Each structure stands twice: as structure tokens, then as C-alpha cells.
Amino acid sequence: MTTAQKIALIEILRWLKEQGATVVALFSAPTPVITVDRPVKSLIDRAIALNERVNGLNKVTHAARISGVCIKWGATE
């Protein structure tokens, strides 16, 4: 991860905190993925729905991308 990518990640984490979202998980390589507890209003329109199968259970999560960082939320069965 380059210095510019680290700075972008830190700024996005700060922005998410200002929006009231709580970071649940953070994976930083190779593409940073931040999992939050609830959607941020400005990301809902830009989000896509992802269907996942985990241990035989189907889950729907939503994800949006900002400055090369993927933000996901809302695992439902």
C-alpha cells in the first residue's frame, strides 16, 4: 500500500466516523475493505448488492467504493 493510499484510507475512516458509522472490520491488502455496522446515507445510491454464500447460508451485503476503498455493510440472510 502506498503512502497516498494510506492517507486516503485514514481520511475515509475519519469521514465514516463523522457520519456516525462504526467500523466492524478492516482489511487493507491489496484493496482496502472496510465493513461498517450500517449504511452511510451518501453511499446508498452508489452501492451494489452482493450475494454471498457462507457456510451454506445466503447473505446479501451492499458495497460502495470511494477513492479505491471498498465499504460494505448490511449482511442479511
PDB file of N, CA and C in Angstrom:
ATOM      1  N   MET A   1       0.853  -1.166   0.000  1.00  0.00           N
ATOM      2  CA  MET A   1       0.000   0.000   0.000  1.00  0.00           C
ATOM      3  C   MET A   1       0.904   1.235   0.000  1.00  0.00           C
ATOM      4  N   THR A   2       0.634   2.140  -0.904  1.00  0.00           N
ATOM      5  CA  THR A   2       1.436   3.356  -0.991  1.00  0.00           C
ATOM      6  C   THR A   2       1.023   4.356   0.085  1.00  0.00           C
ATOM      7  N   THR A   3       1.849   5.370   0.247  1.00  0.00           N
ATOM      8  CA  THR A   3       1.545   6.409   1.238  1.00  0.00           C
ATOM      9  C   THR A   3       0.248   7.123   0.894  1.00  0.00           C
ATOM     10  N   ALA A   4       0.015   7.397  -0.389  1.00  0.00           N
ATOM     11  CA  ALA A   4      -1.219   8.064  -0.808  1.00  0.00           C
ATOM     12  C   ALA A   4      -2.440   7.213  -0.489  1.00  0.00           C
ATOM     13  N   GLN A   5      -2.332   5.906  -0.672  1.00  0.00           N
ATOM     14  CA  GLN A   5      -3.445   5.014  -0.355  1.00  0.00           C
ATOM     15  C   GLN A   5      -3.698   4.967   1.150  1.00  0.00           C
ATOM     16  N   LYS A   6      -2.642   4.987   1.939  1.00  0.00           N
ATOM     17  CA  LYS A   6      -2.798   5.000   3.395  1.00  0.00           C
ATOM     18  C   LYS A   6      -3.484   6.276   3.864  1.00  0.00           C
ATOM     19  N   ILE A   7      -3.092   7.408   3.269  1.00  0.00           N
ATOM     20  CA  ILE A   7      -3.720   8.685   3.627  1.00  0.00           C
ATOM     21  C   ILE A   7      -5.196   8.673   3.256  1.00  0.00           C
ATOM     22  N   ALA A   8      -5.519   8.152   2.055  1.00  0.00           N
ATOM     23  CA  ALA A   8      -6.921   8.072   1.625  1.00  0.00           C
ATOM     24  C   ALA A   8      -7.722   7.189   2.574  1.00  0.00           C
ATOM     25  N   LEU A   9      -7.131   6.074   2.988  1.00  0.00           N
ATOM     26  CA  LEU A   9      -7.811   5.169   3.915  1.00  0.00           C
ATOM     27  C   LEU A   9      -8.082   5.861   5.249  1.00  0.00           C
ATOM     28  N   ILE A  10      -7.112   6.582   5.781  1.00  0.00           N
ATOM     29  CA  ILE A  10      -7.277   7.301   7.044  1.00  0.00           C
ATOM     30  C   ILE A  10      -8.364   8.368   6.924  1.00  0.00           C
ATOM     31  N   GLU A  11      -8.383   9.092   5.811  1.00  0.00           N
ATOM     32  CA  GLU A  11      -9.411  10.119   5.609  1.00  0.00           C
ATOM     33  C   GLU A  11     -10.798   9.508   5.510  1.00  0.00           C
ATOM     34  N   ILE A  12     -10.917   8.371   4.853  1.00  0.00           N
ATOM     35  CA  ILE A  12     -12.220   7.716   4.730  1.00  0.00           C
ATOM     36  C   ILE A  12     -12.677   7.190   6.087  1.00  0.00           C
ATOM     37  N   LEU A  13     -11.758   6.634   6.868  1.00  0.00           N
ATOM     38  CA  LEU A  13     -12.113   6.183   8.217  1.00  0.00           C
ATOM     39  C   LEU A  13     -12.599   7.345   9.073  1.00  0.00           C
ATOM     40  N   ARG A  14     -11.952   8.485   8.962  1.00  0.00           N
ATOM     41  CA  ARG A  14     -12.366   9.679   9.700  1.00  0.00           C
ATOM     42  C   ARG A  14     -13.758  10.139   9.232  1.00  0.00           C
ATOM     43  N   TRP A  15     -13.982  10.128   7.914  1.00  0.00           N
ATOM     44  CA  TRP A  15     -15.264  10.543   7.356  1.00  0.00           C
ATOM     45  C   TRP A  15     -16.384   9.615   7.819  1.00  0.00           C
ATOM     46  N   LEU A  16     -16.120   8.297   7.837  1.00  0.00           N
ATOM     47  CA  LEU A  16     -17.132   7.348   8.304  1.00  0.00           C
ATOM     48  C   LEU A  16     -17.496   7.609   9.766  1.00  0.00           C
ATOM     49  N   LYS A  17     -16.495   7.910  10.576  1.00  0.00           N
ATOM     50  CA  LYS A  17     -16.750   8.214  11.983  1.00  0.00           C
ATOM     51  C   LYS A  17     -17.608   9.465  12.118  1.00  0.00           C
ATOM     52  N   GLU A  18     -17.329  10.483  11.292  1.00  0.00           N
ATOM     53  CA  GLU A  18     -18.133  11.714  11.322  1.00  0.00           C
ATOM     54  C   GLU A  18     -19.568  11.449  10.912  1.00  0.00           C
ATOM     55  N   GLN A  19     -19.789  10.467  10.036  1.00  0.00           N
ATOM     56  CA  GLN A  19     -21.137  10.130   9.577  1.00  0.00           C
ATOM     57  C   GLN A  19     -21.879   9.252  10.582  1.00  0.00           C
ATOM     58  N   GLY A  20     -21.202   8.808  11.636  1.00  0.00           N
ATOM     59  CA  GLY A  20     -21.849   8.013  12.669  1.00  0.00           C
ATOM     60  C   GLY A  20     -21.765   6.514  12.464  1.00  0.00           C
ATOM     61  N   ALA A  21     -21.003   6.066  11.487  1.00  0.00           N
ATOM     62  CA  ALA A  21     -20.855   4.628  11.246  1.00  0.00           C
ATOM     63  C   ALA A  21     -19.722   4.080  12.106  1.00  0.00           C
ATOM     64  N   THR A  22     -19.899   2.847  12.562  1.00  0.00           N
ATOM     65  CA  THR A  22     -18.886   2.177  13.355  1.00  0.00           C
ATOM     66  C   THR A  22     -18.185   1.139  12.491  1.00  0.00           C
ATOM     67  N   VAL A  23     -16.874   1.161  12.471  1.00  0.00           N
ATOM     68  CA  VAL A  23     -16.099   0.197  11.689  1.00  0.00           C
ATOM     69  C   VAL A  23     -16.090  -1.136  12.425  1.00  0.00           C
ATOM     70  N   VAL A  24     -16.558  -2.182  11.733  1.00  0.00           N
ATOM     71  CA  VAL A  24     -16.617  -3.517  12.304  1.00  0.00           C
ATOM     72  C   VAL A  24     -15.348  -4.298  11.969  1.00  0.00           C
ATOM     73  N   ALA A  25     -14.864  -4.162  10.727  1.00  0.00           N
ATOM     74  CA  ALA A  25     -13.660  -4.870  10.289  1.00  0.00           C
ATOM     75  C   ALA A  25     -12.937  -4.029   9.254  1.00  0.00           C
ATOM     76  N   LEU A  26     -11.628  -4.246   9.147  1.00  0.00           N
ATOM     77  CA  LEU A  26     -10.807  -3.526   8.190  1.00  0.00           C
ATOM     78  C   LEU A  26      -9.763  -4.471   7.631  1.00  0.00           C
ATOM     79  N   PHE A  27      -9.766  -4.659   6.312  1.00  0.00           N
ATOM     80  CA  PHE A  27      -8.755  -5.445   5.622  1.00  0.00           C
ATOM     81  C   PHE A  27      -8.050  -4.495   4.672  1.00  0.00           C
ATOM     82  N   SER A  28      -6.716  -4.460   4.713  1.00  0.00           N
ATOM     83  CA  SER A  28      -6.007  -3.416   3.984  1.00  0.00           C
ATOM     84  C   SER A  28      -5.267  -3.865   2.731  1.00  0.00           C
ATOM     85  N   ALA A  29      -5.219  -5.155   2.416  1.00  0.00           N
ATOM     86  CA  ALA A  29      -4.435  -5.544   1.253  1.00  0.00           C
ATOM     87  C   ALA A  29      -5.198  -6.541   0.400  1.00  0.00           C
ATOM     88  N   PRO A  30      -5.063  -6.507  -0.919  1.00  0.00           N
ATOM     89  CA  PRO A  30      -4.454  -5.454  -1.729  1.00  0.00           C
ATOM     90  C   PRO A  30      -5.385  -4.259  -1.928  1.00  0.00           C
ATOM     91  N   THR A  31      -6.700  -4.501  -1.885  1.00  0.00           N
ATOM     92  CA  THR A  31      -7.663  -3.399  -1.938  1.00  0.00           C
ATOM     93  C   THR A  31      -8.269  -3.253  -0.552  1.00  0.00           C
ATOM     94  N   PRO A  32      -8.209  -2.073   0.041  1.00  0.00           N
ATOM     95  CA  PRO A  32      -8.780  -1.901   1.380  1.00  0.00           C
ATOM     96  C   PRO A  32     -10.296  -2.135   1.381  1.00  0.00           C
ATOM     97  N   VAL A  33     -10.764  -2.907   2.349  1.00  0.00           N
ATOM     98  CA  VAL A  33     -12.189  -3.172   2.514  1.00  0.00           C
ATOM     99  C   VAL A  33     -12.550  -2.849   3.957  1.00  0.00           C
ATOM    100  N   ILE A  34     -13.513  -1.950   4.126  1.00  0.00           N
ATOM    101  CA  ILE A  34     -13.981  -1.550   5.450  1.00  0.00           C
ATOM    102  C   ILE A  34     -15.412  -2.061   5.602  1.00  0.00           C
ATOM    103  N   THR A  35     -15.670  -2.786   6.674  1.00  0.00           N
ATOM    104  CA  THR A  35     -17.025  -3.237   6.979  1.00  0.00           C
ATOM    105  C   THR A  35     -17.567  -2.353   8.086  1.00  0.00           C
ATOM    106  N   VAL A  36     -18.747  -1.757   7.843  1.00  0.00           N
ATOM    107  CA  VAL A  36     -19.366  -0.880   8.828  1.00  0.00           C
ATOM    108  C   VAL A  36     -20.678  -1.491   9.302  1.00  0.00           C
ATOM    109  N   ASP A  37     -21.167  -0.995  10.436  1.00  0.00           N
ATOM    110  CA  ASP A  37     -22.368  -1.557  11.043  1.00  0.00           C
ATOM    111  C   ASP A  37     -23.657  -1.140  10.348  1.00  0.00           C
ATOM    112  N   ARG A  38     -23.646  -0.006   9.672  1.00  0.00           N
ATOM    113  CA  ARG A  38     -24.861   0.475   8.998  1.00  0.00           C
ATOM    114  C   ARG A  38     -24.458   1.301   7.787  1.00  0.00           C
ATOM    115  N   PRO A  39     -25.370   1.484   6.833  1.00  0.00           N
ATOM    116  CA  PRO A  39     -25.016   2.267   5.649  1.00  0.00           C
ATOM    117  C   PRO A  39     -24.913   3.756   5.951  1.00  0.00           C
ATOM    118  N   VAL A  40     -24.087   4.408   5.200  1.00  0.00           N
ATOM    119  CA  VAL A  40     -23.961   5.861   5.254  1.00  0.00           C
ATOM    120  C   VAL A  40     -24.858   6.402   4.146  1.00  0.00           C
ATOM    121  N   LYS A  41     -25.692   7.391   4.460  1.00  0.00           N
ATOM    122  CA  LYS A  41     -26.701   7.880   3.519  1.00  0.00           C
ATOM    123  C   LYS A  41     -26.130   8.239   2.150  1.00  0.00           C
ATOM    124  N   SER A  42     -24.972   8.868   2.104  1.00  0.00           N
ATOM    125  CA  SER A  42     -24.424   9.296   0.813  1.00  0.00           C
ATOM    126  C   SER A  42     -23.884   8.130  -0.011  1.00  0.00           C
ATOM    127  N   LEU A  43     -23.761   6.946   0.574  1.00  0.00           N
ATOM    128  CA  LEU A  43     -23.253   5.789  -0.169  1.00  0.00           C
ATOM    129  C   LEU A  43     -24.357   4.879  -0.694  1.00  0.00           C
ATOM    130  N   ILE A  44     -25.553   5.017  -0.190  1.00  0.00           N
ATOM    131  CA  ILE A  44     -26.637   4.101  -0.560  1.00  0.00           C
ATOM    132  C   ILE A  44     -26.914   4.133  -2.056  1.00  0.00           C
ATOM    133  N   ASP A  45     -26.926   5.316  -2.665  1.00  0.00           N
ATOM    134  CA  ASP A  45     -27.211   5.421  -4.094  1.00  0.00           C
ATOM    135  C   ASP A  45     -26.108   4.822  -4.952  1.00  0.00           C
ATOM    136  N   ARG A  46     -24.894   4.778  -4.446  1.00  0.00           N
ATOM    137  CA  ARG A  46     -23.759   4.269  -5.208  1.00  0.00           C
ATOM    138  C   ARG A  46     -23.487   2.795  -4.953  1.00  0.00           C
ATOM    139  N   ALA A  47     -24.244   2.169  -4.077  1.00  0.00           N
ATOM    140  CA  ALA A  47     -23.973   0.795  -3.649  1.00  0.00           C
ATOM    141  C   ALA A  47     -24.490  -0.240  -4.636  1.00  0.00           C
ATOM    142  N   ILE A  48     -23.845  -1.396  -4.595  1.00  0.00           N
ATOM    143  CA  ILE A  48     -24.318  -2.557  -5.341  1.00  0.00           C
ATOM    144  C   ILE A  48     -24.623  -3.657  -4.339  1.00  0.00           C
ATOM    145  N   ALA A  49     -25.536  -4.547  -4.692  1.00  0.00           N
ATOM    146  CA  ALA A  49     -25.877  -5.672  -3.820  1.00  0.00           C
ATOM    147  C   ALA A  49     -24.990  -6.858  -4.170  1.00  0.00           C
ATOM    148  N   LEU A  50     -24.456  -7.513  -3.146  1.00  0.00           N
ATOM    149  CA  LEU A  50     -23.603  -8.685  -3.326  1.00  0.00           C
ATOM    150  C   LEU A  50     -24.263  -9.882  -2.664  1.00  0.00           C
ATOM    151  N   ASN A  51     -24.400 -10.973  -3.405  1.00  0.00           N
ATOM    152  CA  ASN A  51     -24.952 -12.201  -2.845  1.00  0.00           C
ATOM    153  C   ASN A  51     -23.785 -13.106  -2.473  1.00  0.00           C
ATOM    154  N   GLU A  52     -23.743 -13.527  -1.226  1.00  0.00           N
ATOM    155  CA  GLU A  52     -22.672 -14.383  -0.738  1.00  0.00           C
ATOM    156  C   GLU A  52     -23.260 -15.663  -0.172  1.00  0.00           C
ATOM    157  N   ARG A  53     -22.508 -16.736  -0.293  1.00  0.00           N
ATOM    158  CA  ARG A  53     -22.889 -17.988   0.357  1.00  0.00           C
ATOM    159  C   ARG A  53     -21.777 -18.317   1.341  1.00  0.00           C
ATOM    160  N   VAL A  54     -22.121 -18.265   2.634  1.00  0.00           N
ATOM    161  CA  VAL A  54     -21.158 -18.530   3.696  1.00  0.00           C
ATOM    162  C   VAL A  54     -21.680 -19.685   4.536  1.00  0.00           C
ATOM    163  N   ASN A  55     -20.942 -20.774   4.575  1.00  0.00           N
ATOM    164  CA  ASN A  55     -21.335 -21.967   5.322  1.00  0.00           C
ATOM    165  C   ASN A  55     -22.749 -22.421   4.976  1.00  0.00           C
ATOM    166  N   GLY A  56     -23.104 -22.359   3.716  1.00  0.00           N
ATOM    167  CA  GLY A  56     -24.403 -22.809   3.253  1.00  0.00           C
ATOM    168  C   GLY A  56     -25.520 -21.800   3.411  1.00  0.00           C
ATOM    169  N   LEU A  57     -25.238 -20.635   3.967  1.00  0.00           N
ATOM    170  CA  LEU A  57     -26.262 -19.603   4.144  1.00  0.00           C
ATOM    171  C   LEU A  57     -26.077 -18.508   3.100  1.00  0.00           C
ATOM    172  N   ASN A  58     -27.171 -18.100   2.493  1.00  0.00           N
ATOM    173  CA  ASN A  58     -27.115 -16.991   1.546  1.00  0.00           C
ATOM    174  C   ASN A  58     -27.223 -15.682   2.310  1.00  0.00           C
ATOM    175  N   LYS A  59     -26.331 -14.755   1.996  1.00  0.00           N
ATOM    176  CA  LYS A  59     -26.347 -13.444   2.639  1.00  0.00           C
ATOM    177  C   LYS A  59     -26.268 -12.370   1.570  1.00  0.00           C
ATOM    178  N   VAL A  60     -26.954 -11.268   1.810  1.00  0.00           N
ATOM    179  CA  VAL A  60     -26.898 -10.126   0.903  1.00  0.00           C
ATOM    180  C   VAL A  60     -26.197  -8.991   1.633  1.00  0.00           C
ATOM    181  N   THR A  61     -25.127  -8.503   1.043  1.00  0.00           N
ATOM    182  CA  THR A  61     -24.433  -7.342   1.582  1.00  0.00           C
ATOM    183  C   THR A  61     -24.424  -6.276   0.504  1.00  0.00           C
ATOM    184  N   HIS A  62     -24.167  -5.060   0.910  1.00  0.00           N
ATOM    185  CA  HIS A  62     -24.072  -3.956  -0.040  1.00  0.00           C
ATOM    186  C   HIS A  62     -22.672  -3.362   0.061  1.00  0.00           C
ATOM    187  N   ALA A  63     -22.180  -2.873  -1.064  1.00  0.00           N
ATOM    188  CA  ALA A  63     -20.835  -2.301  -1.074  1.00  0.00           C
ATOM    189  C   ALA A  63     -20.798  -1.087  -1.993  1.00  0.00           C
ATOM    190  N   ALA A  64     -19.964  -0.136  -1.626  1.00  0.00           N
ATOM    191  CA  ALA A  64     -19.728   1.061  -2.435  1.00  0.00           C
ATOM    192  C   ALA A  64     -18.235   1.343  -2.382  1.00  0.00           C
ATOM    193  N   ARG A  65     -17.747   2.025  -3.403  1.00  0.00           N
ATOM    194  CA  ARG A  65     -16.318   2.299  -3.489  1.00  0.00           C
ATOM    195  C   ARG A  65     -16.071   3.804  -3.484  1.00  0.00           C
ATOM    196  N   ILE A  66     -15.096   4.215  -2.666  1.00  0.00           N
ATOM    197  CA  ILE A  66     -14.677   5.610  -2.601  1.00  0.00           C
ATOM    198  C   ILE A  66     -13.153   5.633  -2.621  1.00  0.00           C
ATOM    199  N   SER A  67     -12.579   6.359  -3.553  1.00  0.00           N
ATOM    200  CA  SER A  67     -11.127   6.550  -3.636  1.00  0.00           C
ATOM    201  C   SER A  67     -10.348   5.244  -3.534  1.00  0.00           C
ATOM    202  N   GLY A  68     -10.835   4.198  -4.176  1.00  0.00           N
ATOM    203  CA  GLY A  68     -10.141   2.926  -4.163  1.00  0.00           C
ATOM    204  C   GLY A  68     -10.381   2.081  -2.934  1.00  0.00           C
ATOM    205  N   VAL A  69     -11.247   2.538  -2.035  1.00  0.00           N
ATOM    206  CA  VAL A  69     -11.562   1.805  -0.807  1.00  0.00           C
ATOM    207  C   VAL A  69     -12.993   1.275  -0.917  1.00  0.00           C
ATOM    208  N   CYS A  70     -13.169  -0.006  -0.649  1.00  0.00           N
ATOM    209  CA  CYS A  70     -14.492  -0.617  -0.690  1.00  0.00           C
ATOM    210  C   CYS A  70     -15.098  -0.569   0.714  1.00  0.00           C
ATOM    211  N   ILE A  71     -16.318  -0.062   0.795  1.00  0.00           N
ATOM    212  CA  ILE A  71     -17.033  -0.004   2.077  1.00  0.00           C
ATOM    213  C   ILE A  71     -18.249  -0.900   1.947  1.00  0.00           C
ATOM    214  N   LYS A  72     -18.395  -1.858   2.868  1.00  0.00           N
ATOM    215  CA  LYS A  72     -19.536  -2.769   2.787  1.00  0.00           C
ATOM    216  C   LYS A  72     -20.294  -2.810   4.104  1.00  0.00           C
ATOM    217  N   TRP A  73     -21.586  -3.190   3.986  1.00  0.00           N
ATOM    218  CA  TRP A  73     -22.470  -3.223   5.159  1.00  0.00           C
ATOM    219  C   TRP A  73     -23.663  -4.118   4.879  1.00  0.00           C
ATOM    220  N   GLY A  74     -24.415  -4.412   5.920  1.00  0.00           N
ATOM    221  CA  GLY A  74     -25.751  -4.987   5.817  1.00  0.00           C
ATOM    222  C   GLY A  74     -25.851  -6.442   5.486  1.00  0.00           C
ATOM    223  N   ALA A  75     -25.121  -7.327   6.155  1.00  0.00           N
ATOM    224  CA  ALA A  75     -25.274  -8.748   5.905  1.00  0.00           C
ATOM    225  C   ALA A  75     -26.628  -9.211   6.424  1.00  0.00           C
ATOM    226  N   THR A  76     -27.474  -9.646   5.508  1.00  0.00           N
ATOM    227  CA  THR A  76     -28.790 -10.185   5.869  1.00  0.00           C
ATOM    228  C   THR A  76     -28.923 -11.565   5.241  1.00  0.00           C
ATOM    229  N   GLU A  77     -29.739 -12.395   5.858  1.00  0.00           N
ATOM    230  CA  GLU A  77     -29.935 -13.752   5.331  1.00  0.00           C
ATOM    231  C   GLU A  77     -31.192 -13.811   4.506  1.00  0.00           C
TER     232      GLU A  77
END
